[in-house]
Amino acid sequence: MAKKKRETKREEIVRLANGDANIVKTIHNGDTVIHFADNSYSDKTPEEIEEAIAHHWHVAWQVVKSMRERGEDI
């Protein structure tokens, strides 16, 4: 059986923008509407999800360290 090709982030964004999003929560704040979709994780293994979370934490921590080095408020 052939392995399914992973879509690029750009392909995913285009697909979701065309209405293929699994919206799990919507927040309204004034004129702003924010939709939360679980498409990024719905077809992932627990290991892939943990890897993604670890990556997000790493990126966020780099931002915090950079802001601290510049003396900016966080």
PDB file of N, CA and C in Angstrom:
ATOM      1  N   MET A   1       0.846  -1.181   0.000  1.00  0.00           N
ATOM      2  CA  MET A   1       0.000   0.000   0.000  1.00  0.00           C
ATOM      3  C   MET A   1       0.889   1.241   0.000  1.00  0.00           C
ATOM      4  N   ALA A   2       0.589   2.202  -0.864  1.00  0.00           N
ATOM      5  CA  ALA A   2       1.391   3.415  -0.982  1.00  0.00           C
ATOM      6  C   ALA A   2       1.156   4.318   0.222  1.00  0.00           C
ATOM      7  N   LYS A   3       2.239   4.949   0.667  1.00  0.00           N
ATOM      8  CA  LYS A   3       2.148   5.868   1.779  1.00  0.00           C
ATOM      9  C   LYS A   3       1.540   7.190   1.308  1.00  0.00           C
ATOM     10  N   LYS A   4       0.629   7.743   2.089  1.00  0.00           N
ATOM     11  CA  LYS A   4      -0.032   8.997   1.741  1.00  0.00           C
ATOM     12  C   LYS A   4       0.970  10.143   1.804  1.00  0.00           C
ATOM     13  N   LYS A   5       1.011  10.970   0.738  1.00  0.00           N
ATOM     14  CA  LYS A   5       1.902  12.125   0.700  1.00  0.00           C
ATOM     15  C   LYS A   5       1.411  13.177   1.672  1.00  0.00           C
ATOM     16  N   ARG A   6       2.309  13.684   2.489  1.00  0.00           N
ATOM     17  CA  ARG A   6       1.949  14.746   3.420  1.00  0.00           C
ATOM     18  C   ARG A   6       1.809  16.054   2.677  1.00  0.00           C
ATOM     19  N   GLU A   7       0.749  16.791   2.974  1.00  0.00           N
ATOM     20  CA  GLU A   7       0.576  18.078   2.323  1.00  0.00           C
ATOM     21  C   GLU A   7       1.458  19.120   2.992  1.00  0.00           C
ATOM     22  N   THR A   8       1.872  20.108   2.219  1.00  0.00           N
ATOM     23  CA  THR A   8       2.667  21.201   2.757  1.00  0.00           C
ATOM     24  C   THR A   8       1.762  22.125   3.560  1.00  0.00           C
ATOM     25  N   LYS A   9       2.354  22.994   4.369  1.00  0.00           N
ATOM     26  CA  LYS A   9       1.563  23.956   5.144  1.00  0.00           C
ATOM     27  C   LYS A   9       0.746  24.833   4.196  1.00  0.00           C
ATOM     28  N   ARG A  10       1.351  25.240   3.091  1.00  0.00           N
ATOM     29  CA  ARG A  10       0.631  26.076   2.122  1.00  0.00           C
ATOM     30  C   ARG A  10      -0.582  25.326   1.571  1.00  0.00           C
ATOM     31  N   GLU A  11      -0.398  24.067   1.215  1.00  0.00           N
ATOM     32  CA  GLU A  11      -1.518  23.264   0.704  1.00  0.00           C
ATOM     33  C   GLU A  11      -2.611  23.140   1.763  1.00  0.00           C
ATOM     34  N   GLU A  12      -2.204  22.958   3.015  1.00  0.00           N
ATOM     35  CA  GLU A  12      -3.179  22.836   4.096  1.00  0.00           C
ATOM     36  C   GLU A  12      -3.962  24.133   4.280  1.00  0.00           C
ATOM     37  N   ILE A  13      -3.271  25.263   4.245  1.00  0.00           N
ATOM     38  CA  ILE A  13      -3.926  26.560   4.416  1.00  0.00           C
ATOM     39  C   ILE A  13      -4.934  26.805   3.300  1.00  0.00           C
ATOM     40  N   VAL A  14      -4.539  26.501   2.066  1.00  0.00           N
ATOM     41  CA  VAL A  14      -5.448  26.682   0.933  1.00  0.00           C
ATOM     42  C   VAL A  14      -6.664  25.773   1.079  1.00  0.00           C
ATOM     43  N   ARG A  15      -6.447  24.512   1.458  1.00  0.00           N
ATOM     44  CA  ARG A  15      -7.553  23.570   1.620  1.00  0.00           C
ATOM     45  C   ARG A  15      -8.514  24.049   2.710  1.00  0.00           C
ATOM     46  N   LEU A  16      -7.964  24.504   3.834  1.00  0.00           N
ATOM     47  CA  LEU A  16      -8.811  24.966   4.933  1.00  0.00           C
ATOM     48  C   LEU A  16      -9.549  26.251   4.561  1.00  0.00           C
ATOM     49  N   ALA A  17      -8.884  27.130   3.817  1.00  0.00           N
ATOM     50  CA  ALA A  17      -9.523  28.380   3.393  1.00  0.00           C
ATOM     51  C   ALA A  17     -10.679  28.114   2.442  1.00  0.00           C
ATOM     52  N   ASN A  18     -10.625  26.993   1.755  1.00  0.00           N
ATOM     53  CA  ASN A  18     -11.695  26.629   0.828  1.00  0.00           C
ATOM     54  C   ASN A  18     -12.839  25.889   1.517  1.00  0.00           C
ATOM     55  N   GLY A  19     -12.833  25.869   2.843  1.00  0.00           N
ATOM     56  CA  GLY A  19     -13.981  25.323   3.572  1.00  0.00           C
ATOM     57  C   GLY A  19     -13.825  23.908   4.074  1.00  0.00           C
ATOM     58  N   ASP A  20     -12.627  23.353   4.063  1.00  0.00           N
ATOM     59  CA  ASP A  20     -12.420  21.973   4.513  1.00  0.00           C
ATOM     60  C   ASP A  20     -11.872  21.936   5.937  1.00  0.00           C
ATOM     61  N   ALA A  21     -12.317  22.867   6.775  1.00  0.00           N
ATOM     62  CA  ALA A  21     -11.832  22.932   8.151  1.00  0.00           C
ATOM     63  C   ALA A  21     -12.828  22.256   9.085  1.00  0.00           C
ATOM     64  N   ASN A  22     -12.310  21.564  10.098  1.00  0.00           N
ATOM     65  CA  ASN A  22     -13.149  20.961  11.124  1.00  0.00           C
ATOM     66  C   ASN A  22     -13.167  21.915  12.319  1.00  0.00           C
ATOM     67  N   ILE A  23     -14.079  22.892  12.273  1.00  0.00           N
ATOM     68  CA  ILE A  23     -14.152  23.921  13.312  1.00  0.00           C
ATOM     69  C   ILE A  23     -14.656  23.288  14.607  1.00  0.00           C
ATOM     70  N   VAL A  24     -13.858  23.435  15.682  1.00  0.00           N
ATOM     71  CA  VAL A  24     -14.249  22.869  16.974  1.00  0.00           C
ATOM     72  C   VAL A  24     -14.660  23.943  17.977  1.00  0.00           C
ATOM     73  N   LYS A  25     -14.297  25.215  17.687  1.00  0.00           N
ATOM     74  CA  LYS A  25     -14.685  26.305  18.586  1.00  0.00           C
ATOM     75  C   LYS A  25     -14.637  27.612  17.800  1.00  0.00           C
ATOM     76  N   THR A  26     -15.570  28.505  18.102  1.00  0.00           N
ATOM     77  CA  THR A  26     -15.607  29.827  17.485  1.00  0.00           C
ATOM     78  C   THR A  26     -15.750  30.870  18.578  1.00  0.00           C
ATOM     79  N   ILE A  27     -14.933  31.916  18.490  1.00  0.00           N
ATOM     80  CA  ILE A  27     -14.978  33.011  19.465  1.00  0.00           C
ATOM     81  C   ILE A  27     -15.264  34.301  18.715  1.00  0.00           C
ATOM     82  N   HIS A  28     -16.190  35.089  19.237  1.00  0.00           N
ATOM     83  CA  HIS A  28     -16.505  36.402  18.673  1.00  0.00           C
ATOM     84  C   HIS A  28     -16.005  37.457  19.657  1.00  0.00           C
ATOM     85  N   ASN A  29     -15.248  38.427  19.135  1.00  0.00           N
ATOM     86  CA  ASN A  29     -14.736  39.528  19.954  1.00  0.00           C
ATOM     87  C   ASN A  29     -14.915  40.800  19.143  1.00  0.00           C
ATOM     88  N   GLY A  30     -16.004  41.513  19.387  1.00  0.00           N
ATOM     89  CA  GLY A  30     -16.306  42.688  18.572  1.00  0.00           C
ATOM     90  C   GLY A  30     -16.569  42.260  17.136  1.00  0.00           C
ATOM     91  N   ASP A  31     -15.846  42.873  16.209  1.00  0.00           N
ATOM     92  CA  ASP A  31     -15.989  42.530  14.790  1.00  0.00           C
ATOM     93  C   ASP A  31     -15.107  41.357  14.382  1.00  0.00           C
ATOM     94  N   THR A  32     -14.334  40.830  15.299  1.00  0.00           N
ATOM     95  CA  THR A  32     -13.396  39.749  14.992  1.00  0.00           C
ATOM     96  C   THR A  32     -14.015  38.395  15.302  1.00  0.00           C
ATOM     97  N   VAL A  33     -13.828  37.449  14.391  1.00  0.00           N
ATOM     98  CA  VAL A  33     -14.286  36.078  14.598  1.00  0.00           C
ATOM     99  C   VAL A  33     -13.070  35.166  14.465  1.00  0.00           C
ATOM    100  N   ILE A  34     -12.867  34.332  15.472  1.00  0.00           N
ATOM    101  CA  ILE A  34     -11.744  33.396  15.459  1.00  0.00           C
ATOM    102  C   ILE A  34     -12.307  31.984  15.468  1.00  0.00           C
ATOM    103  N   HIS A  35     -11.889  31.195  14.489  1.00  0.00           N
ATOM    104  CA  HIS A  35     -12.302  29.798  14.406  1.00  0.00           C
ATOM    105  C   HIS A  35     -11.126  28.914  14.782  1.00  0.00           C
ATOM    106  N   PHE A  36     -11.360  27.939  15.620  1.00  0.00           N
ATOM    107  CA  PHE A  36     -10.338  26.958  15.979  1.00  0.00           C
ATOM    108  C   PHE A  36     -10.691  25.641  15.301  1.00  0.00           C
ATOM    109  N   ALA A  37      -9.747  25.105  14.559  1.00  0.00           N
ATOM    110  CA  ALA A  37      -9.955  23.843  13.852  1.00  0.00           C
ATOM    111  C   ALA A  37      -8.921  22.834  14.322  1.00  0.00           C
ATOM    112  N   ASP A  38      -9.309  21.562  14.363  1.00  0.00           N
ATOM    113  CA  ASP A  38      -8.374  20.524  14.811  1.00  0.00           C
ATOM    114  C   ASP A  38      -7.775  19.733  13.656  1.00  0.00           C
ATOM    115  N   ASN A  39      -7.849  20.264  12.454  1.00  0.00           N
ATOM    116  CA  ASN A  39      -7.327  19.552  11.291  1.00  0.00           C
ATOM    117  C   ASN A  39      -5.838  19.214  11.412  1.00  0.00           C
ATOM    118  N   SER A  40      -5.090  20.074  12.041  1.00  0.00           N
ATOM    119  CA  SER A  40      -3.650  19.839  12.131  1.00  0.00           C
ATOM    120  C   SER A  40      -3.306  18.602  12.952  1.00  0.00           C
ATOM    121  N   TYR A  41      -4.216  18.168  13.811  1.00  0.00           N
ATOM    122  CA  TYR A  41      -3.907  17.052  14.692  1.00  0.00           C
ATOM    123  C   TYR A  41      -4.820  15.844  14.526  1.00  0.00           C
ATOM    124  N   SER A  42      -5.916  15.983  13.811  1.00  0.00           N
ATOM    125  CA  SER A  42      -6.907  14.916  13.767  1.00  0.00           C
ATOM    126  C   SER A  42      -6.407  13.631  13.124  1.00  0.00           C
ATOM    127  N   ASP A  43      -5.439  13.717  12.223  1.00  0.00           N
ATOM    128  CA  ASP A  43      -4.938  12.507  11.559  1.00  0.00           C
ATOM    129  C   ASP A  43      -3.530  12.137  12.013  1.00  0.00           C
ATOM    130  N   LYS A  44      -3.116  12.634  13.177  1.00  0.00           N
ATOM    131  CA  LYS A  44      -1.754  12.401  13.674  1.00  0.00           C
ATOM    132  C   LYS A  44      -1.742  11.338  14.765  1.00  0.00           C
ATOM    133  N   THR A  45      -0.599  10.672  14.882  1.00  0.00           N
ATOM    134  CA  THR A  45      -0.408   9.710  15.963  1.00  0.00           C
ATOM    135  C   THR A  45      -0.095  10.486  17.245  1.00  0.00           C
ATOM    136  N   PRO A  46      -0.251   9.859  18.405  1.00  0.00           N
ATOM    137  CA  PRO A  46       0.105  10.543  19.652  1.00  0.00           C
ATOM    138  C   PRO A  46       1.568  11.003  19.653  1.00  0.00           C
ATOM    139  N   GLU A  47       2.447  10.237  19.045  1.00  0.00           N
ATOM    140  CA  GLU A  47       3.854  10.610  18.989  1.00  0.00           C
ATOM    141  C   GLU A  47       4.054  11.868  18.138  1.00  0.00           C
ATOM    142  N   GLU A  48       3.352  11.947  17.003  1.00  0.00           N
ATOM    143  CA  GLU A  48       3.457  13.132  16.144  1.00  0.00           C
ATOM    144  C   GLU A  48       2.908  14.369  16.844  1.00  0.00           C
ATOM    145  N   ILE A  49       1.847  14.201  17.616  1.00  0.00           N
ATOM    146  CA  ILE A  49       1.280  15.321  18.360  1.00  0.00           C
ATOM    147  C   ILE A  49       2.256  15.800  19.422  1.00  0.00           C
ATOM    148  N   GLU A  50       2.846  14.875  20.161  1.00  0.00           N
ATOM    149  CA  GLU A  50       3.841  15.251  21.180  1.00  0.00           C
ATOM    150  C   GLU A  50       5.022  15.978  20.553  1.00  0.00           C
ATOM    151  N   GLU A  51       5.459  15.515  19.385  1.00  0.00           N
ATOM    152  CA  GLU A  51       6.573  16.162  18.681  1.00  0.00           C
ATOM    153  C   GLU A  51       6.198  17.594  18.276  1.00  0.00           C
ATOM    154  N   ALA A  52       4.981  17.788  17.798  1.00  0.00           N
ATOM    155  CA  ALA A  52       4.528  19.119  17.402  1.00  0.00           C
ATOM    156  C   ALA A  52       4.446  20.048  18.613  1.00  0.00           C
ATOM    157  N   ILE A  53       3.923  19.537  19.723  1.00  0.00           N
ATOM    158  CA  ILE A  53       3.827  20.351  20.943  1.00  0.00           C
ATOM    159  C   ILE A  53       5.215  20.739  21.429  1.00  0.00           C
ATOM    160  N   ALA A  54       6.137  19.806  21.421  1.00  0.00           N
ATOM    161  CA  ALA A  54       7.511  20.102  21.845  1.00  0.00           C
ATOM    162  C   ALA A  54       8.130  21.168  20.948  1.00  0.00           C
ATOM    163  N   HIS A  55       7.857  21.088  19.649  1.00  0.00           N
ATOM    164  CA  HIS A  55       8.387  22.088  18.723  1.00  0.00           C
ATOM    165  C   HIS A  55       7.804  23.465  19.024  1.00  0.00           C
ATOM    166  N   HIS A  56       6.486  23.540  19.278  1.00  0.00           N
ATOM    167  CA  HIS A  56       5.854  24.828  19.588  1.00  0.00           C
ATOM    168  C   HIS A  56       6.441  25.427  20.861  1.00  0.00           C
ATOM    169  N   TRP A  57       6.653  24.601  21.882  1.00  0.00           N
ATOM    170  CA  TRP A  57       7.256  25.090  23.123  1.00  0.00           C
ATOM    171  C   TRP A  57       8.660  25.619  22.870  1.00  0.00           C
ATOM    172  N   HIS A  58       9.432  24.895  22.053  1.00  0.00           N
ATOM    173  CA  HIS A  58      10.803  25.326  21.745  1.00  0.00           C
ATOM    174  C   HIS A  58      10.794  26.693  21.054  1.00  0.00           C
ATOM    175  N   VAL A  59       9.929  26.853  20.061  1.00  0.00           N
ATOM    176  CA  VAL A  59       9.852  28.117  19.327  1.00  0.00           C
ATOM    177  C   VAL A  59       9.412  29.244  20.267  1.00  0.00           C
ATOM    178  N   ALA A  60       8.405  28.996  21.083  1.00  0.00           N
ATOM    179  CA  ALA A  60       7.919  30.015  22.011  1.00  0.00           C
ATOM    180  C   ALA A  60       9.010  30.415  23.005  1.00  0.00           C
ATOM    181  N   TRP A  61       9.774  29.445  23.489  1.00  0.00           N
ATOM    182  CA  TRP A  61      10.837  29.743  24.456  1.00  0.00           C
ATOM    183  C   TRP A  61      11.933  30.588  23.814  1.00  0.00           C
ATOM    184  N   GLN A  62      12.220  30.349  22.542  1.00  0.00           N
ATOM    185  CA  GLN A  62      13.212  31.164  21.829  1.00  0.00           C
ATOM    186  C   GLN A  62      12.752  32.622  21.756  1.00  0.00           C
ATOM    187  N   VAL A  63      11.462  32.843  21.558  1.00  0.00           N
ATOM    188  CA  VAL A  63      10.920  34.197  21.524  1.00  0.00           C
ATOM    189  C   VAL A  63      11.057  34.848  22.893  1.00  0.00           C
ATOM    190  N   VAL A  64      10.709  34.119  23.952  1.00  0.00           N
ATOM    191  CA  VAL A  64      10.817  34.651  25.313  1.00  0.00           C
ATOM    192  C   VAL A  64      12.259  35.029  25.623  1.00  0.00           C
ATOM    193  N   LYS A  65      13.207  34.146  25.322  1.00  0.00           N
ATOM    194  CA  LYS A  65      14.621  34.437  25.586  1.00  0.00           C
ATOM    195  C   LYS A  65      15.089  35.660  24.812  1.00  0.00           C
ATOM    196  N   SER A  66      14.687  35.762  23.565  1.00  0.00           N
ATOM    197  CA  SER A  66      15.079  36.900  22.742  1.00  0.00           C
ATOM    198  C   SER A  66      14.538  38.210  23.305  1.00  0.00           C
ATOM    199  N   MET A  67      13.284  38.189  23.749  1.00  0.00           N
ATOM    200  CA  MET A  67      12.691  39.394  24.325  1.00  0.00           C
ATOM    201  C   MET A  67      13.392  39.777  25.620  1.00  0.00           C
ATOM    202  N   ARG A  68      13.733  38.800  26.431  1.00  0.00           N
ATOM    203  CA  ARG A  68      14.440  39.086  27.686  1.00  0.00           C
ATOM    204  C   ARG A  68      15.811  39.688  27.410  1.00  0.00           C
ATOM    205  N   GLU A  69      16.504  39.158  26.407  1.00  0.00           N
ATOM    206  CA  GLU A  69      17.834  39.666  26.055  1.00  0.00           C
ATOM    207  C   GLU A  69      17.765  41.133  25.601  1.00  0.00           C
ATOM    208  N   ARG A  70      16.665  41.507  24.959  1.00  0.00           N
ATOM    209  CA  ARG A  70      16.494  42.877  24.499  1.00  0.00           C
ATOM    210  C   ARG A  70      15.889  43.779  25.579  1.00  0.00           C
ATOM    211  N   GLY A  71      15.553  43.190  26.725  1.00  0.00           N
ATOM    212  CA  GLY A  71      14.976  43.953  27.812  1.00  0.00           C
ATOM    213  C   GLY A  71      13.521  44.315  27.623  1.00  0.00           C
ATOM    214  N   GLU A  72      12.837  43.579  26.740  1.00  0.00           N
ATOM    215  CA  GLU A  72      11.409  43.835  26.471  1.00  0.00           C
ATOM    216  C   GLU A  72      10.534  43.132  27.497  1.00  0.00           C
ATOM    217  N   ASP A  73       9.382  43.726  27.756  1.00  0.00           N
ATOM    218  CA  ASP A  73       8.398  43.096  28.626  1.00  0.00           C
ATOM    219  C   ASP A  73       7.750  41.928  27.895  1.00  0.00           C
ATOM    220  N   ILE A  74       7.448  40.907  28.650  1.00  0.00           N
ATOM    221  CA  ILE A  74       6.800  39.729  28.063  1.00  0.00           C
ATOM    222  C   ILE A  74       5.347  39.708  28.468  1.00  0.00           C
TER     223      ILE A  74
END
